[in-house]
Amino acid sequence: MLTTQKIVPCLWFNGDAEEAAKFYVSLLPDSRIDRILKSPIDTPSGPAGMVLTVEFTLAGMQYVGLNGGPQFPFTEAVSFQIHCDDQPEVDRLWSALAEGGSEVACGWVKDRWGLSWQIVPKRMIELLNDRDTERARRAQEAMMKMVKIDIATIERAADGIS
C-alpha cells in the first residue's frame, strides 16, 4: 500500500494479524488487504517467513496489523467506532464482532482478539445531541441500560414512551 494517510494505526497481534485483517475487511465496504509482509529474518515474535505485518484498508482508512507477540494485549483504552445507518447494520456488525468475543455495554463489544469496538447508530448520536435536553436525557438513560443498542427503544424513550 502506498500510504496516503499521515497517521496509520498499528494494531499489535499475537500471531494472527492476517486472520484478523481478513475478518475486519469482510465486514465493511471500501475495505481490502493491501499487502502482507513476511519477515525475511527471525525476530523475537517468530521465525523468518512468518507474516510480520498486514497492511489493510478498513472503510477507506489504512491500518497495519503487526504480529508482535503476546506482550501487549488490547485494552478498552483504544476502541473503534462504527457509525451505522440502521438497526440491521447494527445487528450484523454486532453479531460478527461479538462471535468469539464478548458483549460489554452501551454499544461496546470486544472481538475475539480483544479489540474493542463501539457499534454506534447515527440516529442515537442525533438523539443524544437533541436541542431538547429532556429528550436527550431520556435517550441517554435508555442507552445506558443497553448492551447492544436498539434504535427503536431509544427513539421511544426520547419521545417519553415507556
N, C-alpha and C. Protein backbone atom coordinates (compact mmCIF):
# COMPACT_ATOMS: atom_id res chain seq x y z
N MET A 1 0.86 -1.18 0.00
CA MET A 1 0.00 0.00 0.00
C MET A 1 0.90 1.23 0.00
N LEU A 2 0.57 2.15 -0.80
CA LEU A 2 1.23 3.44 -0.76
C LEU A 2 0.45 4.25 0.26
N THR A 3 1.08 4.55 1.38
CA THR A 3 0.39 5.23 2.46
C THR A 3 0.02 6.64 2.06
N THR A 4 -1.27 6.95 2.18
CA THR A 4 -1.75 8.28 1.86
C THR A 4 -2.16 9.03 3.12
N GLN A 5 -2.28 8.32 4.23
CA GLN A 5 -2.63 8.96 5.50
C GLN A 5 -1.36 9.38 6.21
N LYS A 6 -1.42 10.46 6.91
CA LYS A 6 -0.29 10.92 7.71
C LYS A 6 -0.10 10.01 8.93
N ILE A 7 -1.22 9.57 9.51
CA ILE A 7 -1.17 8.68 10.68
C ILE A 7 -1.88 7.38 10.31
N VAL A 8 -1.22 6.25 10.53
CA VAL A 8 -1.78 4.93 10.26
C VAL A 8 -1.75 4.13 11.56
N PRO A 9 -2.91 3.78 12.11
CA PRO A 9 -2.92 2.98 13.34
C PRO A 9 -2.27 1.61 13.10
N CYS A 10 -1.44 1.21 14.04
CA CYS A 10 -0.79 -0.10 14.01
C CYS A 10 -1.37 -0.93 15.16
N LEU A 11 -1.95 -2.06 14.82
CA LEU A 11 -2.59 -2.93 15.81
C LEU A 11 -1.68 -4.13 16.08
N TRP A 12 -1.37 -4.37 17.33
CA TRP A 12 -0.43 -5.41 17.75
C TRP A 12 -1.19 -6.70 18.00
N PHE A 13 -0.84 -7.76 17.27
CA PHE A 13 -1.48 -9.06 17.43
C PHE A 13 -0.46 -10.10 17.87
N ASN A 14 -0.96 -11.20 18.35
CA ASN A 14 -0.13 -12.30 18.79
C ASN A 14 -0.15 -13.41 17.74
N GLY A 15 0.35 -13.11 16.54
CA GLY A 15 0.48 -14.12 15.50
C GLY A 15 -0.71 -14.26 14.56
N ASP A 16 -1.79 -13.54 14.80
CA ASP A 16 -2.97 -13.72 13.96
C ASP A 16 -3.44 -12.42 13.30
N ALA A 17 -2.50 -11.55 12.97
CA ALA A 17 -2.84 -10.28 12.32
C ALA A 17 -3.51 -10.51 10.97
N GLU A 18 -3.05 -11.50 10.21
CA GLU A 18 -3.64 -11.75 8.89
C GLU A 18 -5.09 -12.23 9.03
N GLU A 19 -5.33 -13.16 9.93
CA GLU A 19 -6.70 -13.65 10.16
C GLU A 19 -7.62 -12.51 10.60
N ALA A 20 -7.15 -11.68 11.51
CA ALA A 20 -7.95 -10.55 12.00
C ALA A 20 -8.24 -9.56 10.87
N ALA A 21 -7.22 -9.22 10.09
CA ALA A 21 -7.41 -8.26 9.00
C ALA A 21 -8.40 -8.79 7.97
N LYS A 22 -8.30 -10.06 7.62
CA LYS A 22 -9.24 -10.65 6.66
C LYS A 22 -10.66 -10.58 7.21
N PHE A 23 -10.82 -10.84 8.50
CA PHE A 23 -12.14 -10.75 9.12
C PHE A 23 -12.66 -9.32 9.08
N TYR A 24 -11.86 -8.36 9.51
CA TYR A 24 -12.30 -6.97 9.54
C TYR A 24 -12.71 -6.47 8.16
N VAL A 25 -11.91 -6.77 7.13
CA VAL A 25 -12.24 -6.25 5.80
C VAL A 25 -13.49 -6.91 5.22
N SER A 26 -13.89 -8.06 5.76
CA SER A 26 -15.11 -8.70 5.29
C SER A 26 -16.36 -8.01 5.82
N LEU A 27 -16.21 -7.13 6.79
CA LEU A 27 -17.36 -6.53 7.46
C LEU A 27 -17.86 -5.24 6.83
N LEU A 28 -16.98 -4.48 6.20
CA LEU A 28 -17.34 -3.13 5.77
C LEU A 28 -16.95 -2.87 4.32
N PRO A 29 -17.78 -2.09 3.61
CA PRO A 29 -17.41 -1.72 2.24
C PRO A 29 -16.15 -0.85 2.23
N ASP A 30 -15.53 -0.75 1.06
CA ASP A 30 -14.30 0.01 0.87
C ASP A 30 -13.19 -0.51 1.78
N SER A 31 -13.09 -1.84 1.86
CA SER A 31 -12.10 -2.50 2.71
C SER A 31 -11.37 -3.57 1.91
N ARG A 32 -10.09 -3.75 2.22
CA ARG A 32 -9.30 -4.74 1.48
C ARG A 32 -7.97 -4.99 2.19
N ILE A 33 -7.37 -6.12 1.89
CA ILE A 33 -5.98 -6.37 2.29
C ILE A 33 -5.11 -5.73 1.23
N ASP A 34 -4.18 -4.89 1.64
CA ASP A 34 -3.32 -4.18 0.69
C ASP A 34 -1.99 -4.88 0.47
N ARG A 35 -1.38 -5.37 1.55
CA ARG A 35 -0.06 -6.01 1.41
C ARG A 35 0.23 -6.83 2.65
N ILE A 36 0.88 -7.95 2.43
CA ILE A 36 1.33 -8.80 3.53
C ILE A 36 2.85 -8.90 3.44
N LEU A 37 3.51 -8.58 4.54
CA LEU A 37 4.97 -8.66 4.60
C LEU A 37 5.37 -9.85 5.46
N LYS A 38 6.14 -10.74 4.85
CA LYS A 38 6.68 -11.88 5.61
C LYS A 38 8.09 -11.51 6.04
N SER A 39 8.41 -11.82 7.27
CA SER A 39 9.71 -11.43 7.82
C SER A 39 10.84 -12.18 7.11
N PRO A 40 11.85 -11.46 6.63
CA PRO A 40 12.98 -12.12 5.98
C PRO A 40 13.98 -12.72 6.98
N ILE A 41 13.79 -12.40 8.27
CA ILE A 41 14.72 -12.89 9.30
C ILE A 41 13.92 -13.37 10.51
N ASP A 42 14.59 -14.13 11.37
CA ASP A 42 13.98 -14.49 12.65
C ASP A 42 13.86 -13.22 13.50
N THR A 43 12.75 -13.07 14.18
CA THR A 43 12.54 -11.93 15.08
C THR A 43 12.08 -12.46 16.44
N PRO A 44 12.04 -11.62 17.46
CA PRO A 44 11.55 -12.08 18.76
C PRO A 44 10.11 -12.61 18.70
N SER A 45 9.34 -12.18 17.69
CA SER A 45 7.95 -12.63 17.61
C SER A 45 7.77 -13.86 16.71
N GLY A 46 8.86 -14.34 16.05
CA GLY A 46 8.72 -15.55 15.24
C GLY A 46 9.83 -15.74 14.23
N PRO A 47 9.76 -16.86 13.54
CA PRO A 47 10.82 -17.21 12.60
C PRO A 47 10.72 -16.49 11.26
N ALA A 48 11.80 -16.51 10.52
CA ALA A 48 11.81 -15.97 9.16
C ALA A 48 10.69 -16.65 8.37
N GLY A 49 10.03 -15.88 7.52
CA GLY A 49 8.95 -16.42 6.70
C GLY A 49 7.57 -16.25 7.30
N MET A 50 7.50 -15.90 8.58
CA MET A 50 6.18 -15.68 9.19
C MET A 50 5.62 -14.33 8.73
N VAL A 51 4.29 -14.21 8.79
CA VAL A 51 3.67 -12.93 8.47
C VAL A 51 4.04 -11.95 9.58
N LEU A 52 4.73 -10.89 9.21
CA LEU A 52 5.14 -9.88 10.18
C LEU A 52 4.11 -8.75 10.24
N THR A 53 3.72 -8.23 9.07
CA THR A 53 2.73 -7.15 9.05
C THR A 53 1.70 -7.42 7.95
N VAL A 54 0.50 -6.90 8.20
CA VAL A 54 -0.57 -6.93 7.23
C VAL A 54 -1.07 -5.49 7.10
N GLU A 55 -0.94 -4.93 5.91
CA GLU A 55 -1.46 -3.60 5.65
C GLU A 55 -2.85 -3.78 5.06
N PHE A 56 -3.83 -3.09 5.64
CA PHE A 56 -5.19 -3.23 5.15
C PHE A 56 -5.93 -1.92 5.25
N THR A 57 -6.96 -1.82 4.43
CA THR A 57 -7.83 -0.65 4.41
C THR A 57 -9.17 -1.10 4.93
N LEU A 58 -9.69 -0.37 5.91
CA LEU A 58 -10.96 -0.69 6.52
C LEU A 58 -11.85 0.55 6.42
N ALA A 59 -12.92 0.42 5.62
CA ALA A 59 -13.84 1.53 5.37
C ALA A 59 -13.07 2.79 4.92
N GLY A 60 -12.09 2.56 4.05
CA GLY A 60 -11.33 3.66 3.47
C GLY A 60 -10.16 4.16 4.31
N MET A 61 -9.98 3.62 5.51
CA MET A 61 -8.90 4.06 6.38
C MET A 61 -7.82 2.97 6.46
N GLN A 62 -6.57 3.39 6.40
CA GLN A 62 -5.46 2.45 6.39
C GLN A 62 -5.05 2.04 7.81
N TYR A 63 -4.69 0.76 7.93
CA TYR A 63 -4.22 0.18 9.19
C TYR A 63 -3.06 -0.75 8.88
N VAL A 64 -2.31 -1.06 9.93
CA VAL A 64 -1.30 -2.10 9.86
C VAL A 64 -1.56 -3.05 11.03
N GLY A 65 -1.56 -4.33 10.74
CA GLY A 65 -1.59 -5.35 11.79
C GLY A 65 -0.19 -5.89 11.93
N LEU A 66 0.34 -5.89 13.12
CA LEU A 66 1.70 -6.35 13.40
C LEU A 66 1.64 -7.59 14.27
N ASN A 67 2.29 -8.66 13.84
CA ASN A 67 2.41 -9.84 14.68
C ASN A 67 3.60 -9.65 15.62
N GLY A 68 3.33 -9.04 16.74
CA GLY A 68 4.39 -8.68 17.67
C GLY A 68 4.60 -9.65 18.82
N GLY A 69 3.64 -10.52 19.06
CA GLY A 69 3.75 -11.46 20.17
C GLY A 69 2.74 -11.15 21.28
N PRO A 70 2.82 -11.89 22.38
CA PRO A 70 1.80 -11.78 23.43
C PRO A 70 2.01 -10.65 24.44
N GLN A 71 3.06 -9.87 24.31
CA GLN A 71 3.40 -8.89 25.34
C GLN A 71 2.36 -7.79 25.56
N PHE A 72 1.67 -7.38 24.51
CA PHE A 72 0.80 -6.21 24.61
C PHE A 72 -0.61 -6.51 24.12
N PRO A 73 -1.47 -7.04 24.97
CA PRO A 73 -2.86 -7.28 24.55
C PRO A 73 -3.63 -5.97 24.45
N PHE A 74 -4.72 -6.01 23.69
CA PHE A 74 -5.58 -4.83 23.56
C PHE A 74 -6.28 -4.54 24.89
N THR A 75 -6.58 -3.26 25.10
CA THR A 75 -7.40 -2.86 26.25
C THR A 75 -8.49 -1.92 25.73
N GLU A 76 -9.44 -1.62 26.59
CA GLU A 76 -10.52 -0.70 26.22
C GLU A 76 -10.04 0.74 26.09
N ALA A 77 -8.78 1.01 26.41
CA ALA A 77 -8.25 2.37 26.30
C ALA A 77 -8.30 2.86 24.85
N VAL A 78 -8.33 1.93 23.91
CA VAL A 78 -8.48 2.28 22.50
C VAL A 78 -9.63 1.44 21.94
N SER A 79 -10.54 2.10 21.25
CA SER A 79 -11.63 1.38 20.59
C SER A 79 -11.91 2.07 19.27
N PHE A 80 -12.63 1.36 18.41
CA PHE A 80 -13.01 1.90 17.11
C PHE A 80 -14.52 2.00 17.05
N GLN A 81 -15.01 3.16 16.65
CA GLN A 81 -16.45 3.37 16.48
C GLN A 81 -16.82 3.06 15.04
N ILE A 82 -17.92 2.33 14.88
CA ILE A 82 -18.50 2.13 13.56
C ILE A 82 -19.86 2.80 13.59
N HIS A 83 -20.04 3.83 12.79
CA HIS A 83 -21.30 4.55 12.73
C HIS A 83 -22.23 3.84 11.76
N CYS A 84 -23.39 3.42 12.26
CA CYS A 84 -24.31 2.59 11.49
C CYS A 84 -25.54 3.38 11.06
N ASP A 85 -26.01 3.08 9.86
CA ASP A 85 -27.17 3.77 9.30
C ASP A 85 -28.50 3.28 9.85
N ASP A 86 -28.57 2.00 10.24
CA ASP A 86 -29.85 1.46 10.67
C ASP A 86 -29.65 0.24 11.58
N GLN A 87 -30.75 -0.27 12.11
CA GLN A 87 -30.69 -1.40 13.05
C GLN A 87 -30.15 -2.67 12.40
N PRO A 88 -30.52 -3.00 11.15
CA PRO A 88 -29.92 -4.20 10.55
C PRO A 88 -28.39 -4.14 10.48
N GLU A 89 -27.84 -2.95 10.22
CA GLU A 89 -26.38 -2.83 10.19
C GLU A 89 -25.81 -3.01 11.59
N VAL A 90 -26.46 -2.42 12.59
CA VAL A 90 -26.03 -2.61 13.99
C VAL A 90 -26.04 -4.10 14.31
N ASP A 91 -27.13 -4.77 14.00
CA ASP A 91 -27.28 -6.19 14.33
C ASP A 91 -26.22 -7.05 13.64
N ARG A 92 -25.98 -6.79 12.35
CA ARG A 92 -25.00 -7.58 11.58
C ARG A 92 -23.59 -7.42 12.14
N LEU A 93 -23.19 -6.17 12.36
CA LEU A 93 -21.84 -5.94 12.86
C LEU A 93 -21.68 -6.44 14.28
N TRP A 94 -22.70 -6.25 15.10
CA TRP A 94 -22.65 -6.71 16.49
C TRP A 94 -22.45 -8.23 16.53
N SER A 95 -23.26 -8.94 15.77
CA SER A 95 -23.17 -10.41 15.76
C SER A 95 -21.79 -10.87 15.31
N ALA A 96 -21.28 -10.27 14.24
CA ALA A 96 -19.98 -10.68 13.71
C ALA A 96 -18.86 -10.40 14.71
N LEU A 97 -18.85 -9.22 15.30
CA LEU A 97 -17.76 -8.86 16.21
C LEU A 97 -17.85 -9.57 17.55
N ALA A 98 -19.06 -9.83 18.01
CA ALA A 98 -19.24 -10.49 19.31
C ALA A 98 -18.91 -11.98 19.26
N GLU A 99 -18.97 -12.58 18.06
CA GLU A 99 -18.70 -14.02 17.95
C GLU A 99 -17.27 -14.33 18.39
N GLY A 100 -17.16 -15.09 19.44
CA GLY A 100 -15.85 -15.44 19.98
C GLY A 100 -15.27 -14.36 20.87
N GLY A 101 -15.98 -13.25 21.01
CA GLY A 101 -15.53 -12.15 21.85
C GLY A 101 -16.48 -11.99 23.02
N SER A 102 -16.78 -10.74 23.37
CA SER A 102 -17.70 -10.51 24.48
C SER A 102 -18.46 -9.21 24.29
N GLU A 103 -19.74 -9.27 24.67
CA GLU A 103 -20.57 -8.08 24.66
C GLU A 103 -20.29 -7.31 25.94
N VAL A 104 -20.19 -6.00 25.85
CA VAL A 104 -19.81 -5.21 27.01
C VAL A 104 -21.03 -4.40 27.46
N ALA A 105 -21.15 -3.16 27.06
CA ALA A 105 -22.27 -2.31 27.48
C ALA A 105 -22.33 -1.09 26.57
N CYS A 106 -23.50 -0.49 26.49
CA CYS A 106 -23.69 0.79 25.78
C CYS A 106 -23.14 0.78 24.36
N GLY A 107 -23.30 -0.34 23.66
CA GLY A 107 -22.85 -0.42 22.28
C GLY A 107 -21.41 -0.87 22.11
N TRP A 108 -20.73 -1.22 23.21
CA TRP A 108 -19.35 -1.69 23.14
C TRP A 108 -19.32 -3.21 23.05
N VAL A 109 -18.43 -3.71 22.21
CA VAL A 109 -18.23 -5.14 22.06
C VAL A 109 -16.74 -5.39 21.85
N LYS A 110 -16.24 -6.49 22.43
CA LYS A 110 -14.85 -6.89 22.21
C LYS A 110 -14.85 -8.06 21.24
N ASP A 111 -14.01 -7.98 20.21
CA ASP A 111 -13.94 -9.09 19.26
C ASP A 111 -13.07 -10.22 19.82
N ARG A 112 -12.93 -11.29 19.06
CA ARG A 112 -12.20 -12.48 19.53
C ARG A 112 -10.72 -12.22 19.80
N TRP A 113 -10.18 -11.10 19.29
CA TRP A 113 -8.78 -10.75 19.54
C TRP A 113 -8.65 -9.78 20.71
N GLY A 114 -9.78 -9.37 21.27
CA GLY A 114 -9.76 -8.45 22.41
C GLY A 114 -9.82 -6.98 22.03
N LEU A 115 -9.97 -6.69 20.73
CA LEU A 115 -10.07 -5.30 20.28
C LEU A 115 -11.48 -4.79 20.54
N SER A 116 -11.59 -3.60 21.10
CA SER A 116 -12.89 -3.03 21.45
C SER A 116 -13.45 -2.20 20.31
N TRP A 117 -14.75 -2.38 20.10
CA TRP A 117 -15.48 -1.66 19.05
C TRP A 117 -16.71 -1.03 19.68
N GLN A 118 -17.11 0.10 19.15
CA GLN A 118 -18.36 0.73 19.53
C GLN A 118 -19.26 0.74 18.30
N ILE A 119 -20.37 0.04 18.41
CA ILE A 119 -21.33 -0.04 17.31
C ILE A 119 -22.36 1.05 17.56
N VAL A 120 -22.25 2.15 16.82
CA VAL A 120 -22.97 3.38 17.13
C VAL A 120 -23.97 3.74 16.02
N PRO A 121 -25.26 3.64 16.31
CA PRO A 121 -26.24 4.10 15.33
C PRO A 121 -26.17 5.63 15.20
N LYS A 122 -26.15 6.11 13.96
CA LYS A 122 -26.13 7.56 13.74
C LYS A 122 -27.32 8.23 14.40
N ARG A 123 -28.47 7.56 14.38
CA ARG A 123 -29.68 8.14 14.98
C ARG A 123 -29.50 8.33 16.48
N MET A 124 -28.79 7.43 17.14
CA MET A 124 -28.56 7.57 18.58
C MET A 124 -27.77 8.85 18.86
N ILE A 125 -26.77 9.13 18.05
CA ILE A 125 -25.98 10.35 18.24
C ILE A 125 -26.86 11.58 18.08
N GLU A 126 -27.74 11.54 17.06
CA GLU A 126 -28.68 12.66 16.87
C GLU A 126 -29.55 12.85 18.10
N LEU A 127 -30.07 11.76 18.65
CA LEU A 127 -30.95 11.86 19.82
C LEU A 127 -30.19 12.35 21.05
N LEU A 128 -28.97 11.90 21.24
CA LEU A 128 -28.18 12.33 22.39
C LEU A 128 -27.79 13.80 22.29
N ASN A 129 -27.82 14.34 21.07
CA ASN A 129 -27.48 15.74 20.85
C ASN A 129 -28.71 16.60 20.58
N ASP A 130 -29.89 16.08 20.89
CA ASP A 130 -31.14 16.81 20.65
C ASP A 130 -31.10 18.13 21.41
N ARG A 131 -31.60 19.19 20.77
CA ARG A 131 -31.65 20.50 21.43
C ARG A 131 -32.58 20.49 22.64
N ASP A 132 -33.55 19.62 22.61
CA ASP A 132 -34.45 19.43 23.75
C ASP A 132 -33.70 18.55 24.75
N THR A 133 -33.19 19.16 25.79
CA THR A 133 -32.32 18.43 26.73
C THR A 133 -33.05 17.30 27.45
N GLU A 134 -34.36 17.40 27.61
CA GLU A 134 -35.11 16.31 28.24
C GLU A 134 -35.15 15.09 27.31
N ARG A 135 -35.35 15.33 26.01
CA ARG A 135 -35.31 14.22 25.04
C ARG A 135 -33.93 13.56 25.05
N ALA A 136 -32.89 14.38 25.05
CA ALA A 136 -31.53 13.85 25.06
C ALA A 136 -31.27 13.06 26.35
N ARG A 137 -31.75 13.57 27.48
CA ARG A 137 -31.56 12.87 28.75
C ARG A 137 -32.25 11.51 28.73
N ARG A 138 -33.50 11.49 28.26
CA ARG A 138 -34.24 10.22 28.22
C ARG A 138 -33.55 9.22 27.27
N ALA A 139 -33.06 9.71 26.14
CA ALA A 139 -32.35 8.85 25.19
C ALA A 139 -31.09 8.27 25.82
N GLN A 140 -30.35 9.13 26.53
CA GLN A 140 -29.11 8.64 27.14
C GLN A 140 -29.40 7.66 28.26
N GLU A 141 -30.41 7.92 29.05
CA GLU A 141 -30.78 6.98 30.11
C GLU A 141 -31.12 5.61 29.53
N ALA A 142 -31.86 5.59 28.43
CA ALA A 142 -32.21 4.32 27.78
C ALA A 142 -30.95 3.63 27.26
N MET A 143 -30.07 4.39 26.60
CA MET A 143 -28.84 3.82 26.06
C MET A 143 -27.97 3.21 27.15
N MET A 144 -27.91 3.86 28.31
CA MET A 144 -27.06 3.39 29.41
C MET A 144 -27.52 2.03 29.96
N LYS A 145 -28.75 1.64 29.70
CA LYS A 145 -29.27 0.36 30.18
C LYS A 145 -29.04 -0.77 29.17
N MET A 146 -28.54 -0.43 28.00
CA MET A 146 -28.40 -1.41 26.91
C MET A 146 -27.01 -2.00 26.84
N VAL A 147 -26.94 -3.16 26.23
CA VAL A 147 -25.67 -3.74 25.83
C VAL A 147 -25.53 -3.42 24.34
N LYS A 148 -26.27 -4.15 23.49
CA LYS A 148 -26.36 -3.78 22.07
C LYS A 148 -27.42 -2.69 21.95
N ILE A 149 -27.14 -1.68 21.16
CA ILE A 149 -28.06 -0.56 21.02
C ILE A 149 -29.27 -0.95 20.18
N ASP A 150 -30.44 -0.59 20.68
CA ASP A 150 -31.70 -0.79 19.97
C ASP A 150 -32.26 0.60 19.65
N ILE A 151 -32.22 0.96 18.40
CA ILE A 151 -32.59 2.32 17.99
C ILE A 151 -34.05 2.62 18.32
N ALA A 152 -34.95 1.68 18.05
CA ALA A 152 -36.38 1.91 18.29
C ALA A 152 -36.65 2.17 19.77
N THR A 153 -35.98 1.45 20.66
CA THR A 153 -36.17 1.65 22.09
C THR A 153 -35.68 3.02 22.53
N ILE A 154 -34.55 3.45 21.97
CA ILE A 154 -34.04 4.78 22.30
C ILE A 154 -34.97 5.86 21.77
N GLU A 155 -35.52 5.66 20.57
CA GLU A 155 -36.49 6.61 20.00
C GLU A 155 -37.69 6.75 20.92
N ARG A 156 -38.24 5.60 21.36
CA ARG A 156 -39.41 5.64 22.24
C ARG A 156 -39.08 6.35 23.55
N ALA A 157 -37.92 6.06 24.10
CA ALA A 157 -37.51 6.69 25.36
C ALA A 157 -37.38 8.21 25.17
N ALA A 158 -36.76 8.63 24.08
CA ALA A 158 -36.60 10.06 23.81
C ALA A 158 -37.97 10.74 23.72
N ASP A 159 -38.94 10.02 23.14
CA ASP A 159 -40.29 10.56 23.00
C ASP A 159 -41.12 10.46 24.28
N GLY A 160 -40.53 9.88 25.33
CA GLY A 160 -41.24 9.74 26.60
C GLY A 160 -42.22 8.59 26.63
N ILE A 161 -42.06 7.63 25.72
CA ILE A 161 -42.94 6.47 25.67
C ILE A 161 -42.24 5.30 26.34
N SER A 162 -42.88 4.75 27.33
CA SER A 162 -42.27 3.61 28.08
C SER A 162 -42.35 2.31 27.33
